[in-house]
N, C-alpha and C. Protein backbone atom coordinates (compact mmCIF):
# COMPACT_ATOMS: atom_id res chain seq x y z
N MET A 1 0.83 -1.19 0.00
CA MET A 1 0.00 0.00 0.00
C MET A 1 0.87 1.25 0.00
N ARG A 2 1.95 1.21 0.78
CA ARG A 2 2.86 2.35 0.87
C ARG A 2 3.46 2.66 -0.50
N ASP A 3 3.84 1.62 -1.23
CA ASP A 3 4.44 1.81 -2.55
C ASP A 3 3.44 2.44 -3.52
N ASN A 4 2.18 1.99 -3.44
CA ASN A 4 1.14 2.56 -4.30
C ASN A 4 0.98 4.05 -4.03
N LEU A 5 1.01 4.40 -2.75
CA LEU A 5 0.87 5.81 -2.35
C LEU A 5 2.01 6.64 -2.93
N LEU A 6 3.23 6.11 -2.80
CA LEU A 6 4.40 6.82 -3.32
C LEU A 6 4.33 6.97 -4.84
N GLN A 7 3.89 5.91 -5.52
CA GLN A 7 3.76 5.97 -6.98
C GLN A 7 2.75 7.02 -7.38
N GLU A 8 1.63 7.08 -6.64
CA GLU A 8 0.60 8.07 -6.95
C GLU A 8 1.14 9.48 -6.77
N LEU A 9 1.88 9.70 -5.68
CA LEU A 9 2.48 11.01 -5.44
C LEU A 9 3.46 11.37 -6.55
N ASN A 10 4.26 10.40 -6.96
CA ASN A 10 5.23 10.64 -8.04
C ASN A 10 4.51 11.00 -9.34
N LEU A 11 3.44 10.26 -9.65
CA LEU A 11 2.69 10.53 -10.87
C LEU A 11 2.09 11.93 -10.84
N ARG A 12 1.51 12.30 -9.69
CA ARG A 12 0.90 13.62 -9.57
C ARG A 12 1.93 14.72 -9.75
N SER A 13 3.08 14.56 -9.11
CA SER A 13 4.11 15.60 -9.21
C SER A 13 4.63 15.68 -10.65
N ARG A 14 4.73 14.53 -11.33
CA ARG A 14 5.18 14.53 -12.72
C ARG A 14 4.17 15.24 -13.62
N CYS A 15 2.88 14.98 -13.38
CA CYS A 15 1.83 15.62 -14.18
C CYS A 15 1.91 17.13 -14.03
N ILE A 16 2.08 17.59 -12.80
CA ILE A 16 2.16 19.03 -12.53
C ILE A 16 3.40 19.62 -13.21
N GLU A 17 4.50 18.88 -13.15
CA GLU A 17 5.75 19.37 -13.75
C GLU A 17 5.61 19.50 -15.27
N THR A 18 4.96 18.51 -15.91
CA THR A 18 4.87 18.52 -17.37
C THR A 18 3.95 19.63 -17.86
N THR A 19 2.86 19.90 -17.14
CA THR A 19 1.97 20.98 -17.56
C THR A 19 2.60 22.34 -17.30
N GLY A 20 3.43 22.41 -16.26
CA GLY A 20 4.13 23.66 -15.96
C GLY A 20 3.23 24.69 -15.29
N GLU A 21 2.03 24.26 -14.89
CA GLU A 21 1.11 25.19 -14.24
C GLU A 21 1.17 24.97 -12.73
N LEU A 22 2.08 25.68 -12.10
CA LEU A 22 2.21 25.54 -10.65
C LEU A 22 1.51 26.71 -9.96
N THR A 23 0.29 26.46 -9.53
CA THR A 23 -0.40 27.47 -8.73
C THR A 23 0.12 27.37 -7.31
N GLY A 24 -0.29 28.28 -6.46
CA GLY A 24 0.17 28.28 -5.07
C GLY A 24 -0.22 26.99 -4.36
N ILE A 25 -1.45 26.52 -4.61
CA ILE A 25 -1.94 25.32 -3.94
C ILE A 25 -1.16 24.10 -4.40
N GLN A 26 -0.92 24.01 -5.71
CA GLN A 26 -0.18 22.86 -6.25
C GLN A 26 1.25 22.85 -5.73
N ALA A 27 1.86 24.04 -5.68
CA ALA A 27 3.23 24.13 -5.17
C ALA A 27 3.27 23.71 -3.70
N GLY A 28 2.26 24.13 -2.95
CA GLY A 28 2.17 23.75 -1.54
C GLY A 28 1.98 22.25 -1.40
N PHE A 29 1.11 21.68 -2.25
CA PHE A 29 0.87 20.24 -2.20
C PHE A 29 2.14 19.47 -2.54
N LEU A 30 2.87 19.97 -3.54
CA LEU A 30 4.11 19.33 -3.96
C LEU A 30 5.13 19.34 -2.83
N ARG A 31 5.25 20.51 -2.18
CA ARG A 31 6.19 20.65 -1.07
C ARG A 31 5.77 19.72 0.08
N PHE A 32 4.46 19.70 0.36
CA PHE A 32 3.95 18.86 1.44
C PHE A 32 4.20 17.38 1.14
N SER A 33 3.96 16.97 -0.11
CA SER A 33 4.14 15.56 -0.46
C SER A 33 5.61 15.16 -0.36
N ASN A 34 6.51 16.08 -0.70
CA ASN A 34 7.94 15.79 -0.57
C ASN A 34 8.33 15.65 0.89
N ILE A 35 7.81 16.55 1.74
CA ILE A 35 8.09 16.47 3.18
C ILE A 35 7.51 15.17 3.73
N PHE A 36 6.27 14.87 3.33
CA PHE A 36 5.58 13.67 3.80
C PHE A 36 6.36 12.42 3.40
N ARG A 37 6.85 12.42 2.16
CA ARG A 37 7.63 11.29 1.66
C ARG A 37 8.92 11.13 2.47
N GLY A 38 9.55 12.26 2.78
CA GLY A 38 10.79 12.22 3.58
C GLY A 38 10.54 11.67 4.97
N ILE A 39 9.47 12.16 5.61
CA ILE A 39 9.14 11.69 6.96
C ILE A 39 8.82 10.20 6.91
N PHE A 40 8.03 9.80 5.91
CA PHE A 40 7.63 8.40 5.78
C PHE A 40 8.84 7.49 5.59
N ALA A 41 9.79 7.97 4.77
CA ALA A 41 10.99 7.18 4.49
C ALA A 41 11.82 6.97 5.75
N VAL A 42 11.76 7.95 6.67
CA VAL A 42 12.52 7.83 7.92
C VAL A 42 11.75 7.02 8.95
N VAL A 43 10.46 7.31 9.09
CA VAL A 43 9.65 6.71 10.16
C VAL A 43 9.38 5.23 9.90
N PHE A 44 9.11 4.86 8.65
CA PHE A 44 8.70 3.49 8.35
C PHE A 44 9.74 2.44 8.76
N PRO A 45 11.02 2.61 8.39
CA PRO A 45 12.03 1.63 8.83
C PRO A 45 12.20 1.60 10.34
N VAL A 46 12.10 2.78 10.97
CA VAL A 46 12.23 2.85 12.43
C VAL A 46 11.11 2.06 13.09
N LEU A 47 9.90 2.19 12.57
CA LEU A 47 8.77 1.44 13.11
C LEU A 47 9.00 -0.06 12.96
N LYS A 48 9.48 -0.47 11.80
CA LYS A 48 9.75 -1.89 11.57
C LYS A 48 10.79 -2.41 12.55
N VAL A 49 11.86 -1.66 12.74
CA VAL A 49 12.93 -2.06 13.65
C VAL A 49 12.41 -2.14 15.08
N SER A 50 11.66 -1.12 15.50
CA SER A 50 11.16 -1.10 16.87
C SER A 50 10.18 -2.24 17.09
N GLN A 51 9.38 -2.57 16.09
CA GLN A 51 8.45 -3.70 16.20
C GLN A 51 9.22 -5.00 16.38
N SER A 52 10.28 -5.18 15.62
CA SER A 52 11.05 -6.42 15.73
C SER A 52 11.69 -6.53 17.11
N PHE A 53 12.14 -5.38 17.66
CA PHE A 53 12.72 -5.40 19.00
C PHE A 53 11.67 -5.73 20.05
N VAL A 54 10.46 -5.22 19.86
CA VAL A 54 9.39 -5.44 20.84
C VAL A 54 8.92 -6.89 20.79
N TYR A 55 8.75 -7.44 19.59
CA TYR A 55 8.15 -8.76 19.47
C TYR A 55 9.13 -9.92 19.58
N GLU A 56 10.41 -9.69 19.35
CA GLU A 56 11.40 -10.77 19.43
C GLU A 56 11.40 -11.51 20.77
N PRO A 57 11.49 -10.79 21.91
CA PRO A 57 11.56 -11.51 23.20
C PRO A 57 10.33 -12.37 23.46
N HIS A 58 9.15 -11.89 23.05
CA HIS A 58 7.93 -12.65 23.29
C HIS A 58 7.94 -13.95 22.49
N VAL A 59 8.50 -13.89 21.30
CA VAL A 59 8.55 -15.08 20.45
C VAL A 59 9.47 -16.13 21.08
N ARG A 60 10.59 -15.69 21.63
CA ARG A 60 11.56 -16.62 22.20
C ARG A 60 11.08 -17.21 23.53
N ALA A 61 10.31 -16.44 24.29
CA ALA A 61 9.90 -16.88 25.63
C ALA A 61 8.87 -18.00 25.62
C-alpha cells in the first residue's frame, strides 16, 4: 500500500511538472508531499525495527 501511495504522489508531481502550471496550492501540495515522503521514508524503517525489538523476546519466551 505504501508503494502505491508513493507511486501516486510521483505521478501527480510529474503531471504538474509537465503541464508547468504551478499554482500556489499545487506548489504547496508538492512541497507537502515531498516532506511527507521524507518523513515516511525515515519513520517506516524505524517502526519496523522497533516492532522487531518489541516482538522478538515474546517469540523466544
